[in-house]
PDB file of all heavy atoms in Angstrom:
ATOM      1  N   VAL A   1     120.894  72.922 116.674  1.00  0.00           N
ATOM      2  CA  VAL A   1     119.608  72.553 117.237  1.00  0.00           C
ATOM      3  C   VAL A   1     118.540  72.879 116.200  1.00  0.00           C
ATOM      4  O   VAL A   1     118.411  74.031 115.787  1.00  0.00           O
ATOM      5  CB  VAL A   1     119.345  73.314 118.553  1.00  0.00           C
ATOM      6  CG1 VAL A   1     117.977  72.925 119.128  1.00  0.00           C
ATOM      7  CG2 VAL A   1     120.455  73.061 119.555  1.00  0.00           C
ATOM      8  N   VAL A   2     117.778  71.884 115.751  1.00  0.00           N
ATOM      9  CA  VAL A   2     116.798  72.102 114.694  1.00  0.00           C
ATOM     10  C   VAL A   2     115.484  72.585 115.299  1.00  0.00           C
ATOM     11  O   VAL A   2     114.895  71.928 116.163  1.00  0.00           O
ATOM     12  CB  VAL A   2     116.570  70.810 113.878  1.00  0.00           C
ATOM     13  CG1 VAL A   2     115.553  71.068 112.761  1.00  0.00           C
ATOM     14  CG2 VAL A   2     117.887  70.320 113.293  1.00  0.00           C
ATOM     15  N   LEU A   3     115.020  73.757 114.806  1.00  0.00           N
ATOM     16  CA  LEU A   3     113.774  74.332 115.285  1.00  0.00           C
ATOM     17  C   LEU A   3     112.881  74.686 114.103  1.00  0.00           C
ATOM     18  O   LEU A   3     113.329  75.373 113.174  1.00  0.00           O
ATOM     19  CB  LEU A   3     114.032  75.608 116.095  1.00  0.00           C
ATOM     20  CG  LEU A   3     114.870  75.478 117.376  1.00  0.00           C
ATOM     21  CD1 LEU A   3     115.101  76.857 117.970  1.00  0.00           C
ATOM     22  CD2 LEU A   3     114.201  74.558 118.369  1.00  0.00           C
ATOM     23  N   PRO A   4     111.613  74.259 114.103  1.00  0.00           N
ATOM     24  CA  PRO A   4     110.666  74.757 113.101  1.00  0.00           C
ATOM     25  C   PRO A   4     110.512  76.259 113.237  1.00  0.00           C
ATOM     26  O   PRO A   4     110.784  76.821 114.311  1.00  0.00           O
ATOM     27  CB  PRO A   4     109.373  74.017 113.423  1.00  0.00           C
ATOM     28  CG  PRO A   4     109.789  72.851 114.274  1.00  0.00           C
ATOM     29  CD  PRO A   4     110.995  73.302 115.032  1.00  0.00           C
ATOM     30  N   PRO A   5     110.080  76.951 112.189  1.00  0.00           N
ATOM     31  CA  PRO A   5     110.020  78.417 112.230  1.00  0.00           C
ATOM     32  C   PRO A   5     109.275  78.986 113.430  1.00  0.00           C
ATOM     33  O   PRO A   5     109.788  79.895 114.111  1.00  0.00           O
ATOM     34  CB  PRO A   5     109.327  78.760 110.912  1.00  0.00           C
ATOM     35  CG  PRO A   5     109.715  77.654 109.991  1.00  0.00           C
ATOM     36  CD  PRO A   5     109.749  76.428 110.846  1.00  0.00           C
ATOM     37  N   ALA A   6     108.068  78.485 113.723  1.00  0.00           N
ATOM     38  CA  ALA A   6     107.284  79.060 114.831  1.00  0.00           C
ATOM     39  C   ALA A   6     107.982  78.823 116.170  1.00  0.00           C
ATOM     40  O   ALA A   6     107.985  79.694 117.050  1.00  0.00           O
ATOM     41  CB  ALA A   6     105.890  78.454 114.834  1.00  0.00           C
ATOM     42  N   ARG A   7     108.574  77.657 116.346  1.00  0.00           N
ATOM     43  CA  ARG A   7     109.273  77.376 117.598  1.00  0.00           C
ATOM     44  C   ARG A   7     110.530  78.240 117.727  1.00  0.00           C
ATOM     45  O   ARG A   7     110.877  78.677 118.827  1.00  0.00           O
ATOM     46  CB  ARG A   7     109.621  75.892 117.671  1.00  0.00           C
ATOM     47  CG  ARG A   7     110.258  75.478 118.987  1.00  0.00           C
ATOM     48  CD  ARG A   7     110.481  73.999 119.071  1.00  0.00           C
ATOM     49  NE  ARG A   7     111.336  73.663 120.192  1.00  0.00           N
ATOM     50  CZ  ARG A   7     111.870  72.456 120.402  1.00  0.00           C
ATOM     51  NH1 ARG A   7     111.603  71.467 119.552  1.00  0.00           N
ATOM     52  NH2 ARG A   7     112.646  72.230 121.441  1.00  0.00           N
ATOM     53  N   ALA A   8     111.200  78.473 116.598  1.00  0.00           N
ATOM     54  CA  ALA A   8     112.383  79.348 116.631  1.00  0.00           C
ATOM     55  C   ALA A   8     112.001  80.736 117.134  1.00  0.00           C
ATOM     56  O   ALA A   8     112.724  81.344 117.934  1.00  0.00           O
ATOM     57  CB  ALA A   8     113.001  79.427 115.241  1.00  0.00           C
ATOM     58  N   LEU A   9     110.859  81.246 116.692  1.00  0.00           N
ATOM     59  CA  LEU A   9     110.402  82.559 117.152  1.00  0.00           C
ATOM     60  C   LEU A   9     110.137  82.562 118.658  1.00  0.00           C
ATOM     61  O   LEU A   9     110.390  83.557 119.343  1.00  0.00           O
ATOM     62  CB  LEU A   9     109.117  82.942 116.416  1.00  0.00           C
ATOM     63  CG  LEU A   9     109.283  83.629 115.063  1.00  0.00           C
ATOM     64  CD1 LEU A   9     107.926  83.869 114.434  1.00  0.00           C
ATOM     65  CD2 LEU A   9     110.026  84.953 115.229  1.00  0.00           C
ATOM     66  N   ALA A  10     109.639  81.466 119.161  1.00  0.00           N
ATOM     67  CA  ALA A  10     109.304  81.392 120.579  1.00  0.00           C
ATOM     68  C   ALA A  10     110.541  81.238 121.467  1.00  0.00           C
ATOM     69  O   ALA A  10     110.545  81.705 122.604  1.00  0.00           O
ATOM     70  CB  ALA A  10     108.347  80.226 120.833  1.00  0.00           C
ATOM     71  N   GLU A  11     111.601  80.607 120.932  1.00  0.00           N
ATOM     72  CA  GLU A  11     112.708  80.212 121.807  1.00  0.00           C
ATOM     73  C   GLU A  11     113.988  81.028 121.622  1.00  0.00           C
ATOM     74  O   GLU A  11     114.786  81.133 122.561  1.00  0.00           O
ATOM     75  CB  GLU A  11     113.025  78.726 121.591  1.00  0.00           C
ATOM     76  CG  GLU A  11     111.875  77.810 121.977  1.00  0.00           C
ATOM     77  CD  GLU A  11     112.265  76.343 121.947  1.00  0.00           C
ATOM     78  OE1 GLU A  11     113.472  76.039 121.842  1.00  0.00           O
ATOM     79  OE2 GLU A  11     111.353  75.501 122.031  1.00  0.00           O
ATOM     80  N   LEU A  12     114.230  81.587 120.438  1.00  0.00           N
ATOM     81  CA  LEU A  12     115.500  82.259 120.199  1.00  0.00           C
ATOM     82  C   LEU A  12     115.478  83.681 120.718  1.00  0.00           C
ATOM     83  O   LEU A  12     114.455  84.365 120.680  1.00  0.00           O
ATOM     84  CB  LEU A  12     115.858  82.217 118.724  1.00  0.00           C
ATOM     85  CG  LEU A  12     116.052  80.818 118.126  1.00  0.00           C
ATOM     86  CD1 LEU A  12     116.473  80.916 116.650  1.00  0.00           C
ATOM     87  CD2 LEU A  12     117.073  80.021 118.922  1.00  0.00           C
ATOM     88  N   ARG A  13     116.634  84.128 121.196  1.00  0.00           N
ATOM     89  CA  ARG A  13     116.787  85.438 121.792  1.00  0.00           C
ATOM     90  C   ARG A  13     118.007  86.146 121.189  1.00  0.00           C
ATOM     91  O   ARG A  13     118.867  85.516 120.579  1.00  0.00           O
ATOM     92  CB  ARG A  13     116.977  85.314 123.314  1.00  0.00           C
ATOM     93  CG  ARG A  13     115.817  84.636 124.039  1.00  0.00           C
ATOM     94  CD  ARG A  13     114.602  85.545 124.083  1.00  0.00           C
ATOM     95  NE  ARG A  13     113.493  84.963 124.830  1.00  0.00           N
ATOM     96  CZ  ARG A  13     112.540  84.217 124.311  1.00  0.00           C
ATOM     97  NH1 ARG A  13     112.563  83.948 123.009  1.00  0.00           N
ATOM     98  NH2 ARG A  13     111.574  83.728 125.046  1.00  0.00           N
ATOM     99  N   PRO A  14     118.127  87.465 121.375  1.00  0.00           N
ATOM    100  CA  PRO A  14     119.341  88.157 120.938  1.00  0.00           C
ATOM    101  C   PRO A  14     120.581  87.454 121.506  1.00  0.00           C
ATOM    102  O   PRO A  14     120.615  87.065 122.679  1.00  0.00           O
ATOM    103  CB  PRO A  14     119.179  89.564 121.524  1.00  0.00           C
ATOM    104  CG  PRO A  14     117.692  89.761 121.574  1.00  0.00           C
ATOM    105  CD  PRO A  14     117.128  88.416 121.941  1.00  0.00           C
ATOM    106  N   GLY A  15     121.605  87.296 120.681  1.00  0.00           N
ATOM    107  CA  GLY A  15     122.788  86.524 121.063  1.00  0.00           C
ATOM    108  C   GLY A  15     122.796  85.143 120.457  1.00  0.00           C
ATOM    109  O   GLY A  15     123.849  84.514 120.325  1.00  0.00           O
ATOM    110  N   ASP A  16     121.599  84.644 120.076  1.00  0.00           N
ATOM    111  CA  ASP A  16     121.518  83.366 119.376  1.00  0.00           C
ATOM    112  C   ASP A  16     121.754  83.571 117.879  1.00  0.00           C
ATOM    113  O   ASP A  16     121.636  84.678 117.360  1.00  0.00           O
ATOM    114  CB  ASP A  16     120.145  82.718 119.584  1.00  0.00           C
ATOM    115  CG  ASP A  16     119.886  82.339 121.031  1.00  0.00           C
ATOM    116  OD1 ASP A  16     120.860  82.075 121.768  1.00  0.00           O
ATOM    117  OD2 ASP A  16     118.706  82.326 121.438  1.00  0.00           O
ATOM    118  N   VAL A  17     122.076  82.474 117.200  1.00  0.00           N
ATOM    119  CA  VAL A  17     122.287  82.497 115.756  1.00  0.00           C
ATOM    120  C   VAL A  17     121.299  81.536 115.112  1.00  0.00           C
ATOM    121  O   VAL A  17     121.205  80.363 115.506  1.00  0.00           O
ATOM    122  CB  VAL A  17     123.733  82.087 115.385  1.00  0.00           C
ATOM    123  CG1 VAL A  17     123.912  82.087 113.866  1.00  0.00           C
ATOM    124  CG2 VAL A  17     124.745  83.020 116.042  1.00  0.00           C
ATOM    125  N   ALA A  18     120.535  82.045 114.142  1.00  0.00           N
ATOM    126  CA  ALA A  18     119.563  81.211 113.423  1.00  0.00           C
ATOM    127  C   ALA A  18     120.047  81.020 111.984  1.00  0.00           C
ATOM    128  O   ALA A  18     120.299  82.003 111.281  1.00  0.00           O
ATOM    129  CB  ALA A  18     118.195  81.884 113.425  1.00  0.00           C
ATOM    130  N   LEU A  19     120.171  79.779 111.569  1.00  0.00           N
ATOM    131  CA  LEU A  19     120.590  79.453 110.208  1.00  0.00           C
ATOM    132  C   LEU A  19     119.377  78.972 109.422  1.00  0.00           C
ATOM    133  O   LEU A  19     118.807  77.919 109.711  1.00  0.00           O
ATOM    134  CB  LEU A  19     121.662  78.349 110.234  1.00  0.00           C
ATOM    135  CG  LEU A  19     122.083  77.782 108.878  1.00  0.00           C
ATOM    136  CD1 LEU A  19     122.743  78.848 108.017  1.00  0.00           C
ATOM    137  CD2 LEU A  19     123.029  76.586 109.078  1.00  0.00           C
ATOM    138  N   GLY A  20     118.950  79.750 108.429  1.00  0.00           N
ATOM    139  CA  GLY A  20     117.809  79.365 107.614  1.00  0.00           C
ATOM    140  C   GLY A  20     118.129  78.193 106.706  1.00  0.00           C
ATOM    141  O   GLY A  20     119.081  78.249 105.915  1.00  0.00           O
ATOM    142  N   ARG A  21     117.341  77.122 106.832  1.00  0.00           N
ATOM    143  CA  ARG A  21     117.539  75.930 105.999  1.00  0.00           C
ATOM    144  C   ARG A  21     116.201  75.447 105.441  1.00  0.00           C
ATOM    145  O   ARG A  21     115.987  74.256 105.228  1.00  0.00           O
ATOM    146  CB  ARG A  21     118.200  74.816 106.819  1.00  0.00           C
ATOM    147  CG  ARG A  21     119.638  75.095 107.210  1.00  0.00           C
ATOM    148  CD  ARG A  21     120.612  74.605 106.198  1.00  0.00           C
ATOM    149  NE  ARG A  21     120.533  73.157 106.043  1.00  0.00           N
ATOM    150  CZ  ARG A  21     121.194  72.468 105.121  1.00  0.00           C
ATOM    151  NH1 ARG A  21     121.954  73.095 104.240  1.00  0.00           N
ATOM    152  NH2 ARG A  21     121.069  71.159 105.038  1.00  0.00           N
ATOM    153  N   LEU A  22     115.269  76.369 105.199  1.00  0.00           N
ATOM    154  CA  LEU A  22     114.015  75.993 104.557  1.00  0.00           C
ATOM    155  C   LEU A  22     114.316  75.557 103.130  1.00  0.00           C
ATOM    156  O   LEU A  22     115.130  76.165 102.435  1.00  0.00           O
ATOM    157  CB  LEU A  22     113.052  77.164 104.570  1.00  0.00           C
ATOM    158  CG  LEU A  22     112.660  77.668 105.958  1.00  0.00           C
ATOM    159  CD1 LEU A  22     111.950  78.996 105.871  1.00  0.00           C
ATOM    160  CD2 LEU A  22     111.809  76.633 106.688  1.00  0.00           C
ATOM    161  N   ASP A  23     113.655  74.506 102.679  1.00  0.00           N
ATOM    162  CA  ASP A  23     113.996  73.883 101.404  1.00  0.00           C
ATOM    163  C   ASP A  23     112.889  74.123 100.373  1.00  0.00           C
ATOM    164  O   ASP A  23     111.866  74.772 100.666  1.00  0.00           O
ATOM    165  CB  ASP A  23     114.211  72.373 101.599  1.00  0.00           C
ATOM    166  CG  ASP A  23     115.162  71.772 100.576  1.00  0.00           C
ATOM    167  OD1 ASP A  23     115.390  72.403  99.534  1.00  0.00           O
ATOM    168  OD2 ASP A  23     115.657  70.654 100.827  1.00  0.00           O
ATOM    169  N   VAL A  24     113.082  73.561  99.205  1.00  0.00           N
ATOM    170  CA  VAL A  24     112.064  73.589  98.163  1.00  0.00           C
ATOM    171  C   VAL A  24     110.932  72.628  98.537  1.00  0.00           C
ATOM    172  O   VAL A  24     111.171  71.563  99.131  1.00  0.00           O
ATOM    173  CB  VAL A  24     112.690  73.186  96.809  1.00  0.00           C
ATOM    174  CG1 VAL A  24     111.635  72.968  95.744  1.00  0.00           C
ATOM    175  CG2 VAL A  24     113.690  74.244  96.370  1.00  0.00           C
ATOM    176  N   LEU A  25     109.697  72.982  98.203  1.00  0.00           N
ATOM    177  CA  LEU A  25     108.560  72.093  98.458  1.00  0.00           C
ATOM    178  C   LEU A  25     108.662  70.823  97.616  1.00  0.00           C
ATOM    179  O   LEU A  25     109.171  70.851  96.486  1.00  0.00           O
ATOM    180  CB  LEU A  25     107.254  72.805  98.113  1.00  0.00           C
ATOM    181  CG  LEU A  25     106.810  73.917  99.051  1.00  0.00           C
ATOM    182  CD1 LEU A  25     105.705  74.740  98.397  1.00  0.00           C
ATOM    183  CD2 LEU A  25     106.335  73.328 100.377  1.00  0.00           C
ATOM    184  N   PRO A  26     108.198  69.689  98.129  1.00  0.00           N
ATOM    185  CA  PRO A  26     108.196  68.460  97.324  1.00  0.00           C
ATOM    186  C   PRO A  26     107.421  68.595  96.026  1.00  0.00           C
ATOM    187  O   PRO A  26     107.706  67.905  95.050  1.00  0.00           O
ATOM    188  CB  PRO A  26     107.533  67.436  98.257  1.00  0.00           C
ATOM    189  CG  PRO A  26     107.756  67.963  99.637  1.00  0.00           C
ATOM    190  CD  PRO A  26     107.709  69.452  99.498  1.00  0.00           C
ATOM    191  N   THR A  27     106.452  69.511  95.984  1.00  0.00           N
ATOM    192  CA  THR A  27     105.674  69.740  94.772  1.00  0.00           C
ATOM    193  C   THR A  27     106.401  70.649  93.780  1.00  0.00           C
ATOM    194  O   THR A  27     105.893  70.897  92.677  1.00  0.00           O
ATOM    195  CB  THR A  27     104.329  70.381  95.136  1.00  0.00           C
ATOM    196  OG1 THR A  27     104.570  71.486  96.037  1.00  0.00           O
ATOM    197  CG2 THR A  27     103.408  69.371  95.805  1.00  0.00           C
ATOM    198  N   LEU A  28     107.560  71.176  94.174  1.00  0.00           N
ATOM    199  CA  LEU A  28     108.414  71.990  93.303  1.00  0.00           C
ATOM    200  C   LEU A  28     107.770  73.292  92.848  1.00  0.00           C
ATOM    201  O   LEU A  28     108.162  73.847  91.825  1.00  0.00           O
ATOM    202  CB  LEU A  28     108.857  71.182  92.064  1.00  0.00           C
ATOM    203  CG  LEU A  28     109.479  69.801  92.309  1.00  0.00           C
ATOM    204  CD1 LEU A  28     109.884  69.168  90.983  1.00  0.00           C
ATOM    205  CD2 LEU A  28     110.660  69.886  93.259  1.00  0.00           C
ATOM    206  N   ASP A  29     106.809  73.798  93.602  1.00  0.00           N
ATOM    207  CA  ASP A  29     106.130  75.039  93.214  1.00  0.00           C
ATOM    208  C   ASP A  29     106.415  76.175  94.184  1.00  0.00           C
ATOM    209  O   ASP A  29     105.627  77.108  94.320  1.00  0.00           O
ATOM    210  CB  ASP A  29     104.627  74.828  93.059  1.00  0.00           C
ATOM    211  CG  ASP A  29     103.986  74.222  94.305  1.00  0.00           C
ATOM    212  OD1 ASP A  29     104.710  73.878  95.253  1.00  0.00           O
ATOM    213  OD2 ASP A  29     102.745  74.075  94.317  1.00  0.00           O
ATOM    214  N   GLY A  30     107.537  76.122  94.860  1.00  0.00           N
ATOM    215  CA  GLY A  30     107.923  77.195  95.745  1.00  0.00           C
ATOM    216  C   GLY A  30     108.781  76.694  96.885  1.00  0.00           C
ATOM    217  O   GLY A  30     109.224  75.539  96.906  1.00  0.00           O
ATOM    218  N   MET A  31     108.995  77.559  97.862  1.00  0.00           N
ATOM    219  CA  MET A  31     109.806  77.251  99.030  1.00  0.00           C
ATOM    220  C   MET A  31     108.903  76.891 100.201  1.00  0.00           C
ATOM    221  O   MET A  31     107.763  77.331 100.278  1.00  0.00           O
ATOM    222  CB  MET A  31     110.677  78.457  99.380  1.00  0.00           C
ATOM    223  CG  MET A  31     111.728  78.209 100.445  1.00  0.00           C
ATOM    224  SD  MET A  31     112.900  79.607 100.588  1.00  0.00           S
ATOM    225  CE  MET A  31     111.850  80.860 101.324  1.00  0.00           C
ATOM    226  N   GLU A  32     109.409  76.064 101.092  1.00  0.00           N
ATOM    227  CA  GLU A  32     108.651  75.694 102.284  1.00  0.00           C
ATOM    228  C   GLU A  32     108.209  76.934 103.054  1.00  0.00           C
ATOM    229  O   GLU A  32     108.896  77.954 103.072  1.00  0.00           O
ATOM    230  CB  GLU A  32     109.511  74.809 103.195  1.00  0.00           C
ATOM    231  CG  GLU A  32     109.795  73.436 102.632  1.00  0.00           C
ATOM    232  CD  GLU A  32     110.729  72.634 103.519  1.00  0.00           C
ATOM    233  OE1 GLU A  32     111.609  73.252 104.159  1.00  0.00           O
ATOM    234  OE2 GLU A  32     110.599  71.405 103.549  1.00  0.00           O
ATOM    235  N   ALA A  33     107.069  76.823 103.702  1.00  0.00           N
ATOM    236  CA  ALA A  33     106.535  77.949 104.477  1.00  0.00           C
ATOM    237  C   ALA A  33     107.414  78.215 105.696  1.00  0.00           C
ATOM    238  O   ALA A  33     108.076  77.316 106.221  1.00  0.00           O
ATOM    239  CB  ALA A  33     105.102  77.632 104.922  1.00  0.00           C
ATOM    240  N   GLY A  34     107.402  79.460 106.139  1.00  0.00           N
ATOM    241  CA  GLY A  34     108.112  79.815 107.361  1.00  0.00           C
ATOM    242  C   GLY A  34     109.191  80.853 107.183  1.00  0.00           C
ATOM    243  O   GLY A  34     109.814  81.268 108.168  1.00  0.00           O
ATOM    244  N   SER A  35     109.401  81.313 105.956  1.00  0.00           N
ATOM    245  CA  SER A  35     110.469  82.290 105.751  1.00  0.00           C
ATOM    246  C   SER A  35     110.171  83.606 106.474  1.00  0.00           C
ATOM    247  O   SER A  35     111.096  84.357 106.810  1.00  0.00           O
ATOM    248  CB  SER A  35     110.681  82.534 104.252  1.00  0.00           C
ATOM    249  OG  SER A  35     109.503  83.014 103.646  1.00  0.00           O
TER     250      SER A  35
END
């Protein structure tokens, strides 16, 4: 189930598993926000 970072914080609970898949920014100057 794909969740943006802020939504993941609101919906996930102990017992759930969150897989980080934040990527590189299209501008190539860092990682997407939300880590």
